Amino acid sequence: MKRGYDVRICPTCGGHLVSQEVEGGGRPALVCPQQHRFHARGPETEPPLGDPPEDIDEVAAAELIRNPRYRCHLGEQVADILRRIEEIARGLHVPRRPHDEVFRFCPRCGSEMQGCRAWDDWCLGMRCQTGHRFDYRSGLHFIEADEGTGFTLVEEMPDETVTFLSQRYTEEPPEDPQLQVFPGLTAPQKALEAMKEFLRASGGS
């Protein structure tokens, strides 16, 4: 990996992370021998998108996350929800854990992390014994001060979050405007149907 995007150590147990392909061919997961799963995202910017294909509302959810022609118009969150719905159906469950249990070890050097002052008042600060500093807010954010590069390390989406987000995307109207689909992204009809079916099957609705 390039400088600033070097993630090799599981922040939960200190084990070695390896890349693992995921359903739909999205960003690979980083998985340790204890099956703790994470996703690392760099500072790359996506090119601007045009209008989504006219038939996107008619395409099955499985095709939406596997066909690049449609996937690029889903947005990361919707794609992750659909991927996790498939994984949960296959028995891959992820429990919710407190952030201080998830992020215990530095993902760069493996030394233990402790709380510290955050760069942003909306975040929790964390620092390892070697001096690597992170901000935690819906993921562990690392910025390399000398080059301005970095990464965000997020825990695999827990089952509870899949249920919560599916409820928010499919309710009418959304209770929280911040959880509506972002401008320029889409939640196609078949994606919403897959979320509704997941909620019915799991007793979440």
N, C-alpha and C. Protein backbone atom coordinates (compact mmCIF):
# COMPACT_ATOMS: atom_id res chain seq x y z
N MET A 1 0.84 -1.20 0.00
CA MET A 1 0.00 0.00 0.00
C MET A 1 0.87 1.25 0.00
N LYS A 2 0.31 2.33 -0.47
CA LYS A 2 1.08 3.55 -0.52
C LYS A 2 1.22 4.16 0.87
N ARG A 3 2.18 5.05 1.02
CA ARG A 3 2.40 5.73 2.28
C ARG A 3 1.12 6.42 2.73
N GLY A 4 0.81 6.32 4.06
CA GLY A 4 -0.38 6.92 4.59
C GLY A 4 -1.60 6.01 4.52
N TYR A 5 -1.47 4.84 3.87
CA TYR A 5 -2.60 3.94 3.70
C TYR A 5 -2.18 2.54 4.09
N ASP A 6 -1.22 2.45 5.01
CA ASP A 6 -0.62 1.18 5.39
C ASP A 6 -1.35 0.62 6.61
N VAL A 7 -2.27 -0.31 6.40
CA VAL A 7 -3.07 -0.89 7.46
C VAL A 7 -2.84 -2.40 7.44
N ARG A 8 -2.15 -2.92 8.45
CA ARG A 8 -1.81 -4.34 8.45
C ARG A 8 -2.14 -5.05 9.75
N ILE A 9 -2.46 -4.31 10.81
CA ILE A 9 -2.63 -4.90 12.13
C ILE A 9 -4.06 -4.70 12.60
N CYS A 10 -4.68 -5.78 13.07
CA CYS A 10 -6.05 -5.71 13.56
C CYS A 10 -6.09 -4.84 14.81
N PRO A 11 -6.90 -3.78 14.81
CA PRO A 11 -6.96 -2.91 15.98
C PRO A 11 -7.70 -3.52 17.16
N THR A 12 -8.36 -4.65 16.95
CA THR A 12 -9.10 -5.30 18.04
C THR A 12 -8.23 -6.29 18.81
N CYS A 13 -7.47 -7.12 18.09
CA CYS A 13 -6.69 -8.17 18.76
C CYS A 13 -5.19 -8.09 18.49
N GLY A 14 -4.76 -7.23 17.57
CA GLY A 14 -3.34 -7.13 17.25
C GLY A 14 -2.87 -8.15 16.24
N GLY A 15 -3.79 -8.97 15.69
CA GLY A 15 -3.42 -9.96 14.69
C GLY A 15 -3.13 -9.33 13.34
N HIS A 16 -2.61 -10.14 12.42
CA HIS A 16 -2.25 -9.65 11.09
C HIS A 16 -3.48 -9.62 10.20
N LEU A 17 -3.71 -8.48 9.55
CA LEU A 17 -4.84 -8.33 8.64
C LEU A 17 -4.44 -8.74 7.22
N VAL A 18 -5.33 -9.45 6.55
CA VAL A 18 -5.13 -9.80 5.15
C VAL A 18 -6.34 -9.35 4.36
N SER A 19 -6.14 -9.06 3.09
CA SER A 19 -7.21 -8.61 2.22
C SER A 19 -8.11 -9.79 1.83
N GLN A 20 -9.41 -9.56 1.82
CA GLN A 20 -10.38 -10.61 1.50
C GLN A 20 -11.46 -10.02 0.61
N GLU A 21 -11.74 -10.67 -0.50
CA GLU A 21 -12.79 -10.20 -1.40
C GLU A 21 -14.15 -10.26 -0.72
N VAL A 22 -15.05 -9.38 -1.11
CA VAL A 22 -16.38 -9.33 -0.52
C VAL A 22 -17.43 -9.53 -1.60
N GLU A 23 -18.66 -9.78 -1.16
CA GLU A 23 -19.78 -9.95 -2.08
C GLU A 23 -19.92 -8.71 -2.96
N GLY A 24 -20.07 -8.93 -4.24
CA GLY A 24 -20.32 -7.82 -5.15
C GLY A 24 -19.07 -7.16 -5.70
N GLY A 25 -17.89 -7.59 -5.23
CA GLY A 25 -16.66 -7.03 -5.77
C GLY A 25 -16.37 -5.61 -5.34
N GLY A 26 -16.87 -5.18 -4.17
CA GLY A 26 -16.57 -3.85 -3.66
C GLY A 26 -15.17 -3.80 -3.06
N ARG A 27 -14.90 -2.75 -2.28
CA ARG A 27 -13.59 -2.65 -1.63
C ARG A 27 -13.34 -3.89 -0.80
N PRO A 28 -12.17 -4.53 -0.92
CA PRO A 28 -11.90 -5.74 -0.13
C PRO A 28 -11.97 -5.45 1.36
N ALA A 29 -12.34 -6.46 2.12
CA ALA A 29 -12.32 -6.36 3.58
C ALA A 29 -10.90 -6.70 4.06
N LEU A 30 -10.57 -6.21 5.24
CA LEU A 30 -9.33 -6.57 5.92
C LEU A 30 -9.72 -7.45 7.09
N VAL A 31 -9.23 -8.69 7.10
CA VAL A 31 -9.69 -9.69 8.06
C VAL A 31 -8.49 -10.31 8.77
N CYS A 32 -8.61 -10.47 10.09
CA CYS A 32 -7.54 -11.11 10.88
C CYS A 32 -7.91 -12.56 11.14
N PRO A 33 -7.01 -13.38 11.71
CA PRO A 33 -7.33 -14.78 11.99
C PRO A 33 -8.51 -14.97 12.94
N GLN A 34 -8.80 -13.96 13.77
CA GLN A 34 -9.95 -14.03 14.67
C GLN A 34 -11.26 -13.59 13.99
N GLN A 35 -11.18 -13.31 12.69
CA GLN A 35 -12.33 -12.91 11.88
C GLN A 35 -12.90 -11.55 12.25
N HIS A 36 -12.06 -10.66 12.79
CA HIS A 36 -12.45 -9.26 12.92
C HIS A 36 -12.32 -8.63 11.54
N ARG A 37 -13.34 -7.94 11.08
CA ARG A 37 -13.39 -7.42 9.71
C ARG A 37 -13.44 -5.90 9.71
N PHE A 38 -12.64 -5.31 8.81
CA PHE A 38 -12.58 -3.86 8.67
C PHE A 38 -12.51 -3.50 7.19
N HIS A 39 -12.70 -2.21 6.91
CA HIS A 39 -12.52 -1.68 5.58
C HIS A 39 -11.71 -0.40 5.69
N ALA A 40 -10.67 -0.28 4.88
CA ALA A 40 -9.83 0.92 4.87
C ALA A 40 -10.16 1.74 3.64
N ARG A 41 -10.32 3.03 3.84
CA ARG A 41 -10.64 3.93 2.75
C ARG A 41 -9.64 5.07 2.74
N GLY A 42 -9.07 5.33 1.58
CA GLY A 42 -8.09 6.39 1.45
C GLY A 42 -8.74 7.70 1.05
N PRO A 43 -7.92 8.70 0.76
CA PRO A 43 -8.45 10.03 0.43
C PRO A 43 -8.81 10.19 -1.04
N GLU A 44 -8.87 9.08 -1.78
CA GLU A 44 -9.15 9.19 -3.20
C GLU A 44 -10.50 9.87 -3.44
N THR A 45 -10.60 10.66 -4.45
CA THR A 45 -11.87 11.29 -4.82
C THR A 45 -12.44 10.60 -6.04
N GLU A 46 -13.74 10.42 -6.03
CA GLU A 46 -14.39 9.75 -7.15
C GLU A 46 -14.66 10.75 -8.27
N PRO A 47 -14.57 10.32 -9.53
CA PRO A 47 -14.90 11.22 -10.64
C PRO A 47 -16.38 11.56 -10.62
N PRO A 48 -16.76 12.72 -11.13
CA PRO A 48 -18.18 13.07 -11.15
C PRO A 48 -18.96 12.09 -12.00
N LEU A 49 -20.18 11.79 -11.55
CA LEU A 49 -21.01 10.82 -12.24
C LEU A 49 -22.07 11.53 -13.07
N GLY A 50 -22.47 10.89 -14.16
CA GLY A 50 -23.59 11.38 -14.92
C GLY A 50 -24.88 10.84 -14.34
N ASP A 51 -25.93 10.89 -15.12
CA ASP A 51 -27.21 10.36 -14.66
C ASP A 51 -27.14 8.83 -14.58
N PRO A 52 -27.87 8.23 -13.64
CA PRO A 52 -27.89 6.76 -13.54
C PRO A 52 -28.58 6.16 -14.76
N PRO A 53 -28.28 4.90 -15.08
CA PRO A 53 -28.96 4.24 -16.20
C PRO A 53 -30.47 4.27 -16.02
N GLU A 54 -31.20 4.39 -17.13
CA GLU A 54 -32.65 4.52 -17.07
C GLU A 54 -33.32 3.29 -16.46
N ASP A 55 -32.67 2.12 -16.57
CA ASP A 55 -33.29 0.90 -16.07
C ASP A 55 -32.85 0.54 -14.66
N ILE A 56 -32.23 1.45 -13.92
CA ILE A 56 -31.64 1.11 -12.62
C ILE A 56 -32.70 0.65 -11.62
N ASP A 57 -33.93 1.16 -11.73
CA ASP A 57 -34.99 0.75 -10.80
C ASP A 57 -35.52 -0.65 -11.09
N GLU A 58 -35.15 -1.20 -12.23
CA GLU A 58 -35.65 -2.52 -12.61
C GLU A 58 -34.62 -3.62 -12.36
N VAL A 59 -33.42 -3.25 -11.89
CA VAL A 59 -32.33 -4.21 -11.74
C VAL A 59 -32.32 -4.80 -10.34
N ALA A 60 -32.19 -6.13 -10.25
CA ALA A 60 -32.19 -6.82 -8.96
C ALA A 60 -31.04 -6.33 -8.09
N ALA A 61 -31.24 -6.41 -6.77
CA ALA A 61 -30.24 -5.91 -5.83
C ALA A 61 -28.88 -6.58 -6.02
N ALA A 62 -28.87 -7.89 -6.28
CA ALA A 62 -27.61 -8.60 -6.47
C ALA A 62 -26.84 -8.05 -7.66
N GLU A 63 -27.55 -7.69 -8.72
CA GLU A 63 -26.91 -7.12 -9.91
C GLU A 63 -26.44 -5.70 -9.64
N LEU A 64 -27.16 -4.97 -8.83
CA LEU A 64 -26.79 -3.59 -8.53
C LEU A 64 -25.40 -3.49 -7.92
N ILE A 65 -25.04 -4.43 -7.05
CA ILE A 65 -23.74 -4.34 -6.40
C ILE A 65 -22.64 -5.08 -7.16
N ARG A 66 -23.00 -5.83 -8.20
CA ARG A 66 -22.00 -6.58 -8.95
C ARG A 66 -21.66 -5.95 -10.30
N ASN A 67 -22.56 -5.18 -10.83
CA ASN A 67 -22.35 -4.57 -12.14
C ASN A 67 -21.86 -3.14 -11.96
N PRO A 68 -20.62 -2.84 -12.36
CA PRO A 68 -20.08 -1.49 -12.16
C PRO A 68 -20.94 -0.39 -12.78
N ARG A 69 -21.68 -0.74 -13.82
CA ARG A 69 -22.53 0.26 -14.49
C ARG A 69 -23.58 0.82 -13.52
N TYR A 70 -24.04 -0.02 -12.58
CA TYR A 70 -25.04 0.41 -11.62
C TYR A 70 -24.43 0.75 -10.25
N ARG A 71 -23.44 -0.04 -9.86
CA ARG A 71 -22.88 0.13 -8.51
C ARG A 71 -22.36 1.54 -8.26
N CYS A 72 -21.75 2.16 -9.27
CA CYS A 72 -21.16 3.48 -9.08
C CYS A 72 -22.21 4.54 -8.76
N HIS A 73 -23.48 4.22 -8.97
CA HIS A 73 -24.55 5.17 -8.70
C HIS A 73 -25.26 4.88 -7.37
N LEU A 74 -24.81 3.87 -6.64
CA LEU A 74 -25.48 3.52 -5.39
C LEU A 74 -25.04 4.37 -4.22
N GLY A 75 -23.76 4.71 -4.16
CA GLY A 75 -23.20 5.30 -2.96
C GLY A 75 -22.69 4.19 -2.05
N GLU A 76 -21.65 4.49 -1.27
CA GLU A 76 -21.02 3.47 -0.43
C GLU A 76 -22.00 2.86 0.56
N GLN A 77 -22.85 3.70 1.17
CA GLN A 77 -23.72 3.20 2.23
C GLN A 77 -24.74 2.20 1.70
N VAL A 78 -25.41 2.54 0.60
CA VAL A 78 -26.41 1.63 0.04
C VAL A 78 -25.75 0.34 -0.43
N ALA A 79 -24.60 0.44 -1.07
CA ALA A 79 -23.88 -0.76 -1.53
C ALA A 79 -23.49 -1.64 -0.35
N ASP A 80 -23.05 -1.02 0.75
CA ASP A 80 -22.67 -1.79 1.94
C ASP A 80 -23.89 -2.47 2.56
N ILE A 81 -25.02 -1.79 2.59
CA ILE A 81 -26.23 -2.40 3.14
C ILE A 81 -26.62 -3.63 2.33
N LEU A 82 -26.64 -3.51 1.01
CA LEU A 82 -27.03 -4.65 0.16
C LEU A 82 -26.04 -5.80 0.29
N ARG A 83 -24.75 -5.48 0.37
CA ARG A 83 -23.73 -6.53 0.55
C ARG A 83 -23.94 -7.25 1.87
N ARG A 84 -24.17 -6.49 2.95
CA ARG A 84 -24.34 -7.11 4.26
C ARG A 84 -25.63 -7.92 4.34
N ILE A 85 -26.68 -7.49 3.65
CA ILE A 85 -27.91 -8.28 3.63
C ILE A 85 -27.63 -9.66 3.05
N GLU A 86 -26.84 -9.72 1.98
CA GLU A 86 -26.48 -11.02 1.39
C GLU A 86 -25.63 -11.83 2.36
N GLU A 87 -24.67 -11.18 3.01
CA GLU A 87 -23.78 -11.90 3.93
C GLU A 87 -24.54 -12.43 5.14
N ILE A 88 -25.47 -11.64 5.67
CA ILE A 88 -26.27 -12.08 6.81
C ILE A 88 -27.10 -13.30 6.42
N ALA A 89 -27.64 -13.29 5.20
CA ALA A 89 -28.43 -14.44 4.73
C ALA A 89 -27.57 -15.70 4.67
N ARG A 90 -26.26 -15.54 4.47
CA ARG A 90 -25.34 -16.69 4.43
C ARG A 90 -24.77 -17.03 5.79
N GLY A 91 -25.21 -16.29 6.83
CA GLY A 91 -24.77 -16.62 8.18
C GLY A 91 -23.60 -15.81 8.70
N LEU A 92 -23.19 -14.77 7.96
CA LEU A 92 -22.07 -13.93 8.43
C LEU A 92 -22.63 -12.78 9.26
N HIS A 93 -22.66 -12.98 10.57
CA HIS A 93 -23.22 -11.99 11.47
C HIS A 93 -22.10 -11.18 12.14
N VAL A 94 -22.36 -9.90 12.35
CA VAL A 94 -21.40 -9.01 12.99
C VAL A 94 -22.09 -8.32 14.15
N PRO A 95 -21.70 -8.60 15.40
CA PRO A 95 -22.33 -7.95 16.55
C PRO A 95 -21.80 -6.52 16.72
N ARG A 96 -22.59 -5.68 17.34
CA ARG A 96 -22.13 -4.33 17.68
C ARG A 96 -21.25 -4.40 18.91
N ARG A 97 -20.13 -3.67 18.88
CA ARG A 97 -19.21 -3.62 20.01
C ARG A 97 -18.85 -2.17 20.31
N PRO A 98 -18.57 -1.84 21.58
CA PRO A 98 -18.13 -0.48 21.91
C PRO A 98 -16.83 -0.15 21.17
N HIS A 99 -16.66 1.13 20.80
CA HIS A 99 -15.49 1.50 20.01
C HIS A 99 -14.18 1.21 20.73
N ASP A 100 -14.18 1.26 22.08
CA ASP A 100 -12.93 1.01 22.80
C ASP A 100 -12.59 -0.48 22.86
N GLU A 101 -13.53 -1.35 22.45
CA GLU A 101 -13.22 -2.76 22.28
C GLU A 101 -12.77 -3.05 20.85
N VAL A 102 -13.31 -2.29 19.91
CA VAL A 102 -12.97 -2.49 18.50
C VAL A 102 -11.58 -1.95 18.19
N PHE A 103 -11.26 -0.75 18.70
CA PHE A 103 -10.00 -0.08 18.38
C PHE A 103 -9.11 -0.01 19.61
N ARG A 104 -8.37 -1.09 19.86
CA ARG A 104 -7.49 -1.18 21.03
C ARG A 104 -6.02 -1.06 20.65
N PHE A 105 -5.68 -1.50 19.44
CA PHE A 105 -4.29 -1.51 19.00
C PHE A 105 -4.12 -0.64 17.76
N CYS A 106 -2.97 -0.01 17.65
CA CYS A 106 -2.69 0.83 16.50
C CYS A 106 -2.63 -0.02 15.23
N PRO A 107 -3.42 0.30 14.20
CA PRO A 107 -3.39 -0.49 12.96
C PRO A 107 -2.13 -0.29 12.14
N ARG A 108 -1.27 0.63 12.55
CA ARG A 108 -0.01 0.86 11.83
C ARG A 108 1.15 0.12 12.48
N CYS A 109 1.23 0.14 13.83
CA CYS A 109 2.41 -0.46 14.48
C CYS A 109 2.06 -1.53 15.50
N GLY A 110 0.79 -1.62 15.91
CA GLY A 110 0.37 -2.68 16.82
C GLY A 110 0.46 -2.34 18.30
N SER A 111 1.00 -1.18 18.67
CA SER A 111 1.09 -0.85 20.09
C SER A 111 -0.29 -0.42 20.61
N GLU A 112 -0.47 -0.50 21.92
CA GLU A 112 -1.77 -0.20 22.51
C GLU A 112 -2.10 1.28 22.39
N MET A 113 -3.40 1.56 22.27
CA MET A 113 -3.85 2.94 22.12
C MET A 113 -4.56 3.40 23.39
N GLN A 114 -4.46 4.70 23.64
CA GLN A 114 -5.14 5.34 24.76
C GLN A 114 -5.81 6.61 24.27
N GLY A 115 -6.73 7.11 25.09
CA GLY A 115 -7.41 8.34 24.73
C GLY A 115 -6.50 9.54 24.82
N CYS A 116 -6.75 10.54 23.97
CA CYS A 116 -6.00 11.79 24.01
C CYS A 116 -6.91 12.89 23.47
N ARG A 117 -6.41 14.12 23.47
CA ARG A 117 -7.18 15.24 22.95
C ARG A 117 -7.35 15.08 21.43
N ALA A 118 -8.57 15.24 20.96
CA ALA A 118 -8.84 15.10 19.53
C ALA A 118 -8.58 16.41 18.81
N TRP A 119 -8.34 16.31 17.49
CA TRP A 119 -8.18 17.50 16.67
C TRP A 119 -9.50 18.24 16.52
N ASP A 120 -10.59 17.51 16.63
CA ASP A 120 -11.93 18.06 16.40
C ASP A 120 -12.78 17.75 17.63
N ASP A 121 -13.54 18.73 18.10
CA ASP A 121 -14.37 18.54 19.29
C ASP A 121 -15.45 17.50 19.09
N TRP A 122 -15.78 17.19 17.83
CA TRP A 122 -16.81 16.20 17.55
C TRP A 122 -16.27 14.78 17.54
N CYS A 123 -14.98 14.62 17.74
CA CYS A 123 -14.33 13.31 17.67
C CYS A 123 -13.73 12.92 19.02
N LEU A 124 -13.39 11.66 19.15
CA LEU A 124 -12.61 11.17 20.28
C LEU A 124 -11.17 10.99 19.82
N GLY A 125 -10.24 11.50 20.57
CA GLY A 125 -8.84 11.36 20.20
C GLY A 125 -8.25 10.06 20.72
N MET A 126 -7.37 9.46 19.95
CA MET A 126 -6.67 8.24 20.35
C MET A 126 -5.23 8.33 19.89
N ARG A 127 -4.32 7.85 20.73
CA ARG A 127 -2.90 7.88 20.40
C ARG A 127 -2.27 6.55 20.84
N CYS A 128 -1.37 6.03 20.00
CA CYS A 128 -0.69 4.79 20.37
C CYS A 128 0.63 5.11 21.06
N GLN A 129 1.29 4.10 21.62
CA GLN A 129 2.52 4.31 22.36
C GLN A 129 3.66 4.78 21.47
N THR A 130 3.54 4.53 20.18
CA THR A 130 4.58 4.99 19.24
C THR A 130 4.38 6.45 18.84
N GLY A 131 3.16 6.97 19.03
CA GLY A 131 2.89 8.36 18.71
C GLY A 131 1.95 8.57 17.55
N HIS A 132 1.43 7.50 16.92
CA HIS A 132 0.44 7.67 15.87
C HIS A 132 -0.87 8.17 16.48
N ARG A 133 -1.43 9.23 15.89
CA ARG A 133 -2.64 9.83 16.43
C ARG A 133 -3.82 9.58 15.50
N PHE A 134 -4.97 9.38 16.13
CA PHE A 134 -6.19 9.10 15.38
C PHE A 134 -7.35 9.90 15.97
N ASP A 135 -8.34 10.15 15.15
CA ASP A 135 -9.62 10.67 15.60
C ASP A 135 -10.66 9.61 15.33
N TYR A 136 -11.53 9.37 16.30
CA TYR A 136 -12.59 8.38 16.11
C TYR A 136 -13.94 9.08 16.02
N ARG A 137 -14.63 8.84 14.91
CA ARG A 137 -16.01 9.27 14.72
C ARG A 137 -16.58 8.44 13.59
N SER A 138 -17.38 7.44 13.95
CA SER A 138 -17.91 6.50 12.95
C SER A 138 -16.78 5.85 12.16
N GLY A 139 -15.69 5.60 12.79
CA GLY A 139 -14.51 5.02 12.15
C GLY A 139 -13.26 5.67 12.71
N LEU A 140 -12.12 5.04 12.48
CA LEU A 140 -10.84 5.52 12.98
C LEU A 140 -10.14 6.28 11.86
N HIS A 141 -9.91 7.58 12.07
CA HIS A 141 -9.35 8.45 11.03
C HIS A 141 -7.89 8.77 11.35
N PHE A 142 -7.01 8.50 10.39
CA PHE A 142 -5.59 8.78 10.56
C PHE A 142 -5.13 9.73 9.46
N ILE A 143 -4.47 10.79 9.85
CA ILE A 143 -3.92 11.75 8.90
C ILE A 143 -2.42 11.86 9.15
N GLU A 144 -1.64 11.71 8.10
CA GLU A 144 -0.19 11.85 8.21
C GLU A 144 0.15 13.33 8.04
N ALA A 145 0.57 13.95 9.15
CA ALA A 145 0.70 15.41 9.17
C ALA A 145 1.69 15.94 8.14
N ASP A 146 2.77 15.21 7.89
CA ASP A 146 3.80 15.76 7.01
C ASP A 146 3.41 15.73 5.55
N GLU A 147 2.45 14.86 5.17
CA GLU A 147 2.08 14.75 3.76
C GLU A 147 0.60 15.00 3.51
N GLY A 148 -0.18 15.08 4.58
CA GLY A 148 -1.60 15.31 4.40
C GLY A 148 -2.35 14.12 3.83
N THR A 149 -1.72 12.94 3.84
CA THR A 149 -2.40 11.73 3.38
C THR A 149 -2.88 10.95 4.59
N GLY A 150 -3.66 9.94 4.37
CA GLY A 150 -4.14 9.15 5.49
C GLY A 150 -5.16 8.11 5.06
N PHE A 151 -5.93 7.65 6.02
CA PHE A 151 -6.94 6.65 5.73
C PHE A 151 -8.02 6.71 6.81
N THR A 152 -9.15 6.12 6.51
CA THR A 152 -10.20 5.90 7.49
C THR A 152 -10.42 4.40 7.59
N LEU A 153 -10.38 3.88 8.81
CA LEU A 153 -10.58 2.46 9.04
C LEU A 153 -11.93 2.29 9.72
N VAL A 154 -12.83 1.56 9.10
CA VAL A 154 -14.16 1.36 9.66
C VAL A 154 -14.39 -0.12 9.94
N GLU A 155 -15.08 -0.37 11.03
CA GLU A 155 -15.47 -1.73 11.37
C GLU A 155 -16.53 -2.21 10.38
N GLU A 156 -16.55 -3.51 10.14
CA GLU A 156 -17.61 -4.06 9.30
C GLU A 156 -18.97 -3.66 9.86
N MET A 157 -19.92 -3.36 8.97
CA MET A 157 -21.24 -2.90 9.39
C MET A 157 -21.94 -3.96 10.22
N PRO A 158 -22.24 -3.69 11.49
CA PRO A 158 -22.93 -4.68 12.33
C PRO A 158 -24.35 -4.94 11.84
N ASP A 159 -24.89 -6.11 12.19
CA ASP A 159 -26.26 -6.46 11.82
C ASP A 159 -27.23 -5.39 12.29
N GLU A 160 -27.02 -4.89 13.51
CA GLU A 160 -27.91 -3.88 14.08
C GLU A 160 -27.97 -2.63 13.22
N THR A 161 -26.82 -2.24 12.66
CA THR A 161 -26.77 -1.06 11.81
C THR A 161 -27.45 -1.32 10.48
N VAL A 162 -27.31 -2.52 9.95
CA VAL A 162 -28.00 -2.88 8.70
C VAL A 162 -29.51 -2.72 8.89
N THR A 163 -30.02 -3.20 10.03
CA THR A 163 -31.44 -3.07 10.33
C THR A 163 -31.84 -1.60 10.46
N PHE A 164 -31.08 -0.85 11.23
CA PHE A 164 -31.39 0.56 11.46
C PHE A 164 -31.43 1.35 10.15
N LEU A 165 -30.39 1.19 9.32
CA LEU A 165 -30.33 1.94 8.07
C LEU A 165 -31.41 1.49 7.09
N SER A 166 -31.69 0.19 7.06
CA SER A 166 -32.76 -0.29 6.18
C SER A 166 -34.10 0.33 6.57
N GLN A 167 -34.33 0.45 7.87
CA GLN A 167 -35.56 1.09 8.33
C GLN A 167 -35.61 2.55 7.91
N ARG A 168 -34.48 3.23 8.03
CA ARG A 168 -34.46 4.66 7.69
C ARG A 168 -34.64 4.87 6.18
N TYR A 169 -34.04 4.02 5.35
CA TYR A 169 -34.16 4.20 3.92
C TYR A 169 -35.56 3.87 3.41
N THR A 170 -36.26 2.97 4.08
CA THR A 170 -37.53 2.49 3.55
C THR A 170 -38.74 3.13 4.20
N GLU A 171 -38.54 3.87 5.29
CA GLU A 171 -39.71 4.50 5.91
C GLU A 171 -40.16 5.70 5.09
N GLU A 172 -41.40 6.07 5.24
CA GLU A 172 -41.98 7.18 4.47
C GLU A 172 -42.75 8.10 5.40
N PRO A 173 -42.35 9.35 5.49
CA PRO A 173 -41.08 9.92 5.03
C PRO A 173 -40.00 9.65 6.07
N PRO A 174 -38.71 9.84 5.76
CA PRO A 174 -37.65 9.63 6.75
C PRO A 174 -37.84 10.56 7.94
N GLU A 175 -37.63 10.01 9.13
CA GLU A 175 -37.73 10.83 10.34
C GLU A 175 -36.59 11.84 10.41
N ASP A 176 -35.43 11.44 9.94
CA ASP A 176 -34.25 12.31 10.02
C ASP A 176 -33.81 12.67 8.60
N PRO A 177 -33.94 13.93 8.19
CA PRO A 177 -33.54 14.32 6.82
C PRO A 177 -32.09 14.00 6.51
N GLN A 178 -31.24 13.92 7.53
CA GLN A 178 -29.83 13.63 7.28
C GLN A 178 -29.63 12.21 6.77
N LEU A 179 -30.61 11.34 6.96
CA LEU A 179 -30.49 9.95 6.53
C LEU A 179 -31.17 9.70 5.19
N GLN A 180 -31.63 10.74 4.53
CA GLN A 180 -32.12 10.59 3.17
C GLN A 180 -30.94 10.33 2.23
N VAL A 181 -31.26 9.79 1.06
CA VAL A 181 -30.21 9.57 0.08
C VAL A 181 -29.56 10.90 -0.26
N PHE A 182 -28.23 10.94 -0.28
CA PHE A 182 -27.52 12.18 -0.55
C PHE A 182 -27.79 12.65 -1.98
N PRO A 183 -27.77 13.95 -2.24
CA PRO A 183 -27.96 14.46 -3.60
C PRO A 183 -26.97 13.83 -4.58
N GLY A 184 -27.48 13.37 -5.71
CA GLY A 184 -26.60 12.78 -6.71
C GLY A 184 -26.46 11.28 -6.60
N LEU A 185 -26.89 10.69 -5.46
CA LEU A 185 -26.85 9.25 -5.29
C LEU A 185 -28.28 8.71 -5.36
N THR A 186 -28.40 7.41 -5.58
CA THR A 186 -29.74 6.84 -5.72
C THR A 186 -29.93 5.65 -4.80
N ALA A 187 -31.17 5.43 -4.42
CA ALA A 187 -31.57 4.20 -3.75
C ALA A 187 -32.61 3.56 -4.66
N PRO A 188 -32.17 2.73 -5.61
CA PRO A 188 -33.10 2.17 -6.60
C PRO A 188 -34.21 1.36 -5.97
N GLN A 189 -35.29 1.20 -6.73
CA GLN A 189 -36.47 0.52 -6.22
C GLN A 189 -36.16 -0.89 -5.74
N LYS A 190 -35.37 -1.64 -6.50
CA LYS A 190 -35.06 -3.02 -6.10
C LYS A 190 -34.18 -3.06 -4.85
N ALA A 191 -33.36 -2.04 -4.64
CA ALA A 191 -32.57 -1.96 -3.41
C ALA A 191 -33.49 -1.77 -2.21
N LEU A 192 -34.47 -0.88 -2.36
CA LEU A 192 -35.43 -0.66 -1.27
C LEU A 192 -36.25 -1.93 -1.01
N GLU A 193 -36.61 -2.63 -2.08
CA GLU A 193 -37.36 -3.88 -1.89
C GLU A 193 -36.53 -4.91 -1.15
N ALA A 194 -35.23 -4.98 -1.45
CA ALA A 194 -34.35 -5.91 -0.75
C ALA A 194 -34.26 -5.56 0.73
N MET A 195 -34.20 -4.27 1.05
CA MET A 195 -34.16 -3.84 2.45
C MET A 195 -35.46 -4.20 3.16
N LYS A 196 -36.59 -3.99 2.50
CA LYS A 196 -37.88 -4.31 3.10
C LYS A 196 -38.00 -5.81 3.35
N GLU A 197 -37.54 -6.63 2.40
CA GLU A 197 -37.60 -8.08 2.57
C GLU A 197 -36.69 -8.52 3.71
N PHE A 198 -35.52 -7.90 3.83
CA PHE A 198 -34.61 -8.21 4.94
C PHE A 198 -35.28 -7.89 6.27
N LEU A 199 -35.95 -6.75 6.35
CA LEU A 199 -36.60 -6.35 7.59
C LEU A 199 -37.74 -7.32 7.93
N ARG A 200 -38.49 -7.75 6.93
CA ARG A 200 -39.58 -8.73 7.18
C ARG A 200 -39.00 -10.05 7.67
N ALA A 201 -37.94 -10.52 7.04
CA ALA A 201 -37.36 -11.81 7.39
C ALA A 201 -36.70 -11.79 8.78
N SER A 202 -36.16 -10.64 9.15
CA SER A 202 -35.42 -10.54 10.42
C SER A 202 -36.29 -10.02 11.55
N GLY A 203 -37.54 -9.69 11.24
CA GLY A 203 -38.43 -9.16 12.28
C GLY A 203 -38.14 -7.73 12.63
N GLY A 204 -37.47 -6.99 11.71
CA GLY A 204 -37.12 -5.61 11.99
C GLY A 204 -38.18 -4.63 11.57
N SER A 205 -39.31 -5.11 11.07
CA SER A 205 -40.38 -4.18 10.69
C SER A 205 -41.73 -4.73 11.15
